[in-house]
Amino acid sequence: MRGKKVKIKKTIELPEEVILSLRTDENEFIKEMKRTMAVKYFKNKKLSIGQSAELAEMSEEDFIKYLGRNNISIFRFDDLNEVKEDVDNA
């Protein structure tokens, strides 16, 4: 579900050495920033998988794979009791 897009334009100033050290261009840097923020908001339970995928400009499937490559679980259980409760309710 792709919703209406809001365009936010801000200027971020970075030392040139940072971009040079990362060996990337500004478009790649912005893409990685979006993915990093999407992961952060997903991990903090502020965005769903779908919303995070949209922020990262990825399909849900690709975002889930991206999470896996970064050792981040898509399951959101805070403790073992929640897992047991879900299994019992299945």
N, C-alpha and C. Protein backbone atom coordinates (compact mmCIF):
# COMPACT_ATOMS: atom_id res chain seq x y z
N MET A 1 0.84 -1.17 0.00
CA MET A 1 0.00 0.00 0.00
C MET A 1 0.89 1.24 0.00
N ARG A 2 0.92 1.89 -1.10
CA ARG A 2 1.71 3.12 -1.22
C ARG A 2 0.77 4.30 -1.02
N GLY A 3 1.05 5.10 -0.01
CA GLY A 3 0.22 6.25 0.28
C GLY A 3 0.72 7.49 -0.42
N LYS A 4 0.05 8.57 -0.14
CA LYS A 4 0.44 9.87 -0.68
C LYS A 4 1.82 10.22 -0.13
N LYS A 5 2.66 10.74 -0.98
CA LYS A 5 4.02 11.09 -0.57
C LYS A 5 4.10 12.55 -0.18
N VAL A 6 4.87 12.80 0.86
CA VAL A 6 5.16 14.15 1.31
C VAL A 6 6.62 14.41 0.99
N LYS A 7 6.88 15.49 0.31
CA LYS A 7 8.25 15.81 -0.05
C LYS A 7 8.83 16.76 1.00
N ILE A 8 9.90 16.32 1.63
CA ILE A 8 10.59 17.14 2.61
C ILE A 8 11.98 17.43 2.07
N LYS A 9 12.32 18.67 1.99
CA LYS A 9 13.64 19.04 1.49
C LYS A 9 14.39 19.78 2.59
N LYS A 10 15.51 19.25 2.94
CA LYS A 10 16.40 19.87 3.91
C LYS A 10 17.82 19.71 3.39
N THR A 11 18.67 20.58 3.79
CA THR A 11 20.07 20.48 3.41
C THR A 11 20.84 19.94 4.60
N ILE A 12 21.63 18.93 4.34
CA ILE A 12 22.49 18.36 5.37
C ILE A 12 23.92 18.62 4.96
N GLU A 13 24.64 19.26 5.84
CA GLU A 13 26.04 19.55 5.54
C GLU A 13 26.91 18.49 6.21
N LEU A 14 27.76 17.89 5.41
CA LEU A 14 28.69 16.87 5.90
C LEU A 14 30.09 17.24 5.47
N PRO A 15 31.05 16.90 6.28
CA PRO A 15 32.42 17.11 5.83
C PRO A 15 32.70 16.27 4.58
N GLU A 16 33.36 16.85 3.63
CA GLU A 16 33.67 16.15 2.39
C GLU A 16 34.42 14.85 2.66
N GLU A 17 35.28 14.87 3.71
CA GLU A 17 36.06 13.67 4.04
C GLU A 17 35.16 12.47 4.37
N VAL A 18 33.98 12.76 4.95
CA VAL A 18 33.06 11.67 5.30
C VAL A 18 32.61 10.94 4.04
N ILE A 19 32.14 11.68 3.06
CA ILE A 19 31.69 11.07 1.81
C ILE A 19 32.86 10.38 1.11
N LEU A 20 34.01 11.03 1.10
CA LEU A 20 35.18 10.41 0.46
C LEU A 20 35.60 9.15 1.19
N SER A 21 35.56 9.16 2.52
CA SER A 21 35.94 7.98 3.30
C SER A 21 34.98 6.82 3.06
N LEU A 22 33.71 7.15 2.87
CA LEU A 22 32.71 6.11 2.61
C LEU A 22 32.77 5.60 1.17
N ARG A 23 33.50 6.30 0.34
CA ARG A 23 33.61 5.94 -1.08
C ARG A 23 32.24 5.76 -1.72
N THR A 24 31.43 6.78 -1.55
CA THR A 24 30.08 6.74 -2.09
C THR A 24 29.72 8.11 -2.64
N ASP A 25 28.65 8.17 -3.40
CA ASP A 25 28.19 9.46 -3.87
C ASP A 25 26.99 9.88 -3.00
N GLU A 26 26.53 11.10 -3.21
CA GLU A 26 25.47 11.61 -2.34
C GLU A 26 24.16 10.83 -2.48
N ASN A 27 23.84 10.34 -3.67
CA ASN A 27 22.61 9.57 -3.85
C ASN A 27 22.67 8.25 -3.08
N GLU A 28 23.79 7.59 -3.14
CA GLU A 28 23.97 6.33 -2.41
C GLU A 28 23.94 6.59 -0.90
N PHE A 29 24.53 7.69 -0.47
CA PHE A 29 24.53 8.07 0.94
C PHE A 29 23.10 8.30 1.43
N ILE A 30 22.29 9.01 0.66
CA ILE A 30 20.90 9.28 1.02
C ILE A 30 20.10 7.99 1.07
N LYS A 31 20.33 7.11 0.10
CA LYS A 31 19.64 5.82 0.08
C LYS A 31 19.96 5.03 1.36
N GLU A 32 21.21 5.02 1.76
CA GLU A 32 21.61 4.30 2.97
C GLU A 32 21.04 4.97 4.22
N MET A 33 20.97 6.28 4.22
CA MET A 33 20.36 6.99 5.36
C MET A 33 18.89 6.58 5.52
N LYS A 34 18.17 6.52 4.41
CA LYS A 34 16.76 6.12 4.47
C LYS A 34 16.62 4.70 4.99
N ARG A 35 17.48 3.81 4.54
CA ARG A 35 17.42 2.42 5.01
C ARG A 35 17.76 2.33 6.49
N THR A 36 18.75 3.10 6.91
CA THR A 36 19.13 3.10 8.32
C THR A 36 17.98 3.61 9.19
N MET A 37 17.32 4.66 8.76
CA MET A 37 16.19 5.20 9.52
C MET A 37 15.02 4.22 9.52
N ALA A 38 14.79 3.55 8.40
CA ALA A 38 13.71 2.58 8.33
C ALA A 38 13.95 1.44 9.33
N VAL A 39 15.18 0.97 9.40
CA VAL A 39 15.52 -0.10 10.35
C VAL A 39 15.33 0.40 11.78
N LYS A 40 15.81 1.59 12.06
CA LYS A 40 15.69 2.16 13.41
C LYS A 40 14.22 2.25 13.83
N TYR A 41 13.39 2.82 12.97
CA TYR A 41 11.98 2.99 13.31
C TYR A 41 11.26 1.65 13.40
N PHE A 42 11.66 0.68 12.60
CA PHE A 42 11.07 -0.66 12.72
C PHE A 42 11.47 -1.30 14.05
N LYS A 43 12.75 -1.25 14.39
CA LYS A 43 13.23 -1.84 15.63
C LYS A 43 12.59 -1.18 16.86
N ASN A 44 12.33 0.11 16.77
CA ASN A 44 11.72 0.85 17.88
C ASN A 44 10.19 0.78 17.86
N LYS A 45 9.65 -0.03 16.95
CA LYS A 45 8.20 -0.26 16.83
C LYS A 45 7.42 1.01 16.52
N LYS A 46 8.07 1.93 15.80
CA LYS A 46 7.39 3.15 15.39
C LYS A 46 6.77 3.00 14.01
N LEU A 47 7.34 2.10 13.19
CA LEU A 47 6.81 1.83 11.85
C LEU A 47 6.64 0.32 11.67
N SER A 48 5.66 -0.04 10.87
CA SER A 48 5.46 -1.45 10.51
C SER A 48 6.49 -1.87 9.46
N ILE A 49 6.48 -3.15 9.14
CA ILE A 49 7.37 -3.62 8.06
C ILE A 49 7.06 -2.89 6.76
N GLY A 50 5.78 -2.76 6.45
CA GLY A 50 5.38 -2.10 5.21
C GLY A 50 5.79 -0.64 5.16
N GLN A 51 5.58 0.07 6.27
CA GLN A 51 5.97 1.48 6.33
C GLN A 51 7.49 1.63 6.25
N SER A 52 8.19 0.75 6.95
CA SER A 52 9.65 0.80 6.93
C SER A 52 10.18 0.51 5.53
N ALA A 53 9.59 -0.48 4.88
CA ALA A 53 9.99 -0.82 3.51
C ALA A 53 9.78 0.37 2.58
N GLU A 54 8.66 1.05 2.76
CA GLU A 54 8.37 2.21 1.92
C GLU A 54 9.39 3.32 2.17
N LEU A 55 9.72 3.57 3.45
CA LEU A 55 10.73 4.57 3.78
C LEU A 55 12.08 4.22 3.16
N ALA A 56 12.40 2.92 3.19
CA ALA A 56 13.67 2.45 2.64
C ALA A 56 13.65 2.36 1.12
N GLU A 57 12.47 2.62 0.53
CA GLU A 57 12.28 2.52 -0.92
C GLU A 57 12.60 1.12 -1.42
N MET A 58 12.06 0.13 -0.70
CA MET A 58 12.26 -1.28 -1.04
C MET A 58 10.90 -1.97 -0.99
N SER A 59 10.80 -3.12 -1.64
CA SER A 59 9.61 -3.93 -1.47
C SER A 59 9.65 -4.53 -0.06
N GLU A 60 8.52 -4.98 0.45
CA GLU A 60 8.51 -5.60 1.78
C GLU A 60 9.44 -6.81 1.79
N GLU A 61 9.39 -7.60 0.74
CA GLU A 61 10.24 -8.79 0.66
C GLU A 61 11.73 -8.42 0.73
N ASP A 62 12.11 -7.40 -0.03
CA ASP A 62 13.51 -6.98 -0.02
C ASP A 62 13.91 -6.39 1.33
N PHE A 63 12.98 -5.66 1.96
CA PHE A 63 13.28 -5.09 3.27
C PHE A 63 13.47 -6.19 4.31
N ILE A 64 12.64 -7.22 4.26
CA ILE A 64 12.77 -8.35 5.19
C ILE A 64 14.13 -9.03 4.97
N LYS A 65 14.52 -9.20 3.73
CA LYS A 65 15.84 -9.78 3.44
C LYS A 65 16.96 -8.88 3.96
N TYR A 66 16.78 -7.57 3.79
CA TYR A 66 17.76 -6.59 4.27
C TYR A 66 17.89 -6.70 5.80
N LEU A 67 16.76 -6.82 6.48
CA LEU A 67 16.80 -7.00 7.93
C LEU A 67 17.56 -8.27 8.30
N GLY A 68 17.28 -9.35 7.58
CA GLY A 68 17.96 -10.62 7.84
C GLY A 68 19.46 -10.53 7.64
N ARG A 69 19.88 -9.84 6.58
CA ARG A 69 21.32 -9.67 6.33
C ARG A 69 21.99 -8.86 7.45
N ASN A 70 21.18 -8.07 8.15
CA ASN A 70 21.70 -7.27 9.25
C ASN A 70 21.36 -7.87 10.62
N ASN A 71 20.99 -9.15 10.61
CA ASN A 71 20.69 -9.90 11.84
C ASN A 71 19.60 -9.25 12.70
N ILE A 72 18.56 -8.76 12.03
CA ILE A 72 17.43 -8.15 12.73
C ILE A 72 16.20 -9.00 12.46
N SER A 73 15.60 -9.49 13.52
CA SER A 73 14.42 -10.34 13.39
C SER A 73 13.19 -9.53 13.04
N ILE A 74 12.31 -10.12 12.24
CA ILE A 74 11.05 -9.46 11.92
C ILE A 74 10.01 -9.73 13.01
N PHE A 75 10.32 -10.65 13.90
CA PHE A 75 9.40 -10.99 14.98
C PHE A 75 9.61 -10.03 16.14
N ARG A 76 8.51 -9.57 16.70
CA ARG A 76 8.58 -8.51 17.71
C ARG A 76 8.12 -9.00 19.07
N PHE A 77 8.83 -9.92 19.62
CA PHE A 77 8.49 -10.41 20.95
C PHE A 77 9.47 -9.82 21.94
N ASP A 78 8.93 -9.24 23.01
CA ASP A 78 9.79 -8.63 24.01
C ASP A 78 10.32 -9.65 25.01
N ASP A 79 9.60 -10.74 25.15
CA ASP A 79 10.10 -11.77 26.06
C ASP A 79 9.56 -13.14 25.65
N LEU A 80 10.09 -14.17 26.27
CA LEU A 80 9.74 -15.55 25.94
C LEU A 80 8.27 -15.85 26.20
N ASN A 81 7.67 -15.22 27.21
CA ASN A 81 6.26 -15.45 27.52
C ASN A 81 5.36 -15.05 26.35
N GLU A 82 5.72 -13.98 25.64
CA GLU A 82 4.93 -13.57 24.48
C GLU A 82 4.99 -14.63 23.38
N VAL A 83 6.15 -15.23 23.19
CA VAL A 83 6.30 -16.28 22.20
C VAL A 83 5.44 -17.48 22.58
N LYS A 84 5.53 -17.90 23.85
CA LYS A 84 4.73 -19.04 24.33
C LYS A 84 3.23 -18.77 24.18
N GLU A 85 2.82 -17.55 24.50
CA GLU A 85 1.42 -17.18 24.39
C GLU A 85 0.94 -17.26 22.94
N ASP A 86 1.75 -16.77 22.02
CA ASP A 86 1.39 -16.84 20.60
C ASP A 86 1.30 -18.29 20.13
N VAL A 87 2.24 -19.12 20.55
CA VAL A 87 2.23 -20.54 20.16
C VAL A 87 0.99 -21.22 20.73
N ASP A 88 0.66 -20.93 21.98
CA ASP A 88 -0.53 -21.52 22.59
C ASP A 88 -1.81 -21.09 21.90
N ASN A 89 -1.83 -19.87 21.38
CA ASN A 89 -3.01 -19.34 20.71
C ASN A 89 -3.13 -19.75 19.25
N ALA A 90 -2.09 -20.38 18.73
CA ALA A 90 -2.09 -20.76 17.31
C ALA A 90 -2.97 -21.95 17.05
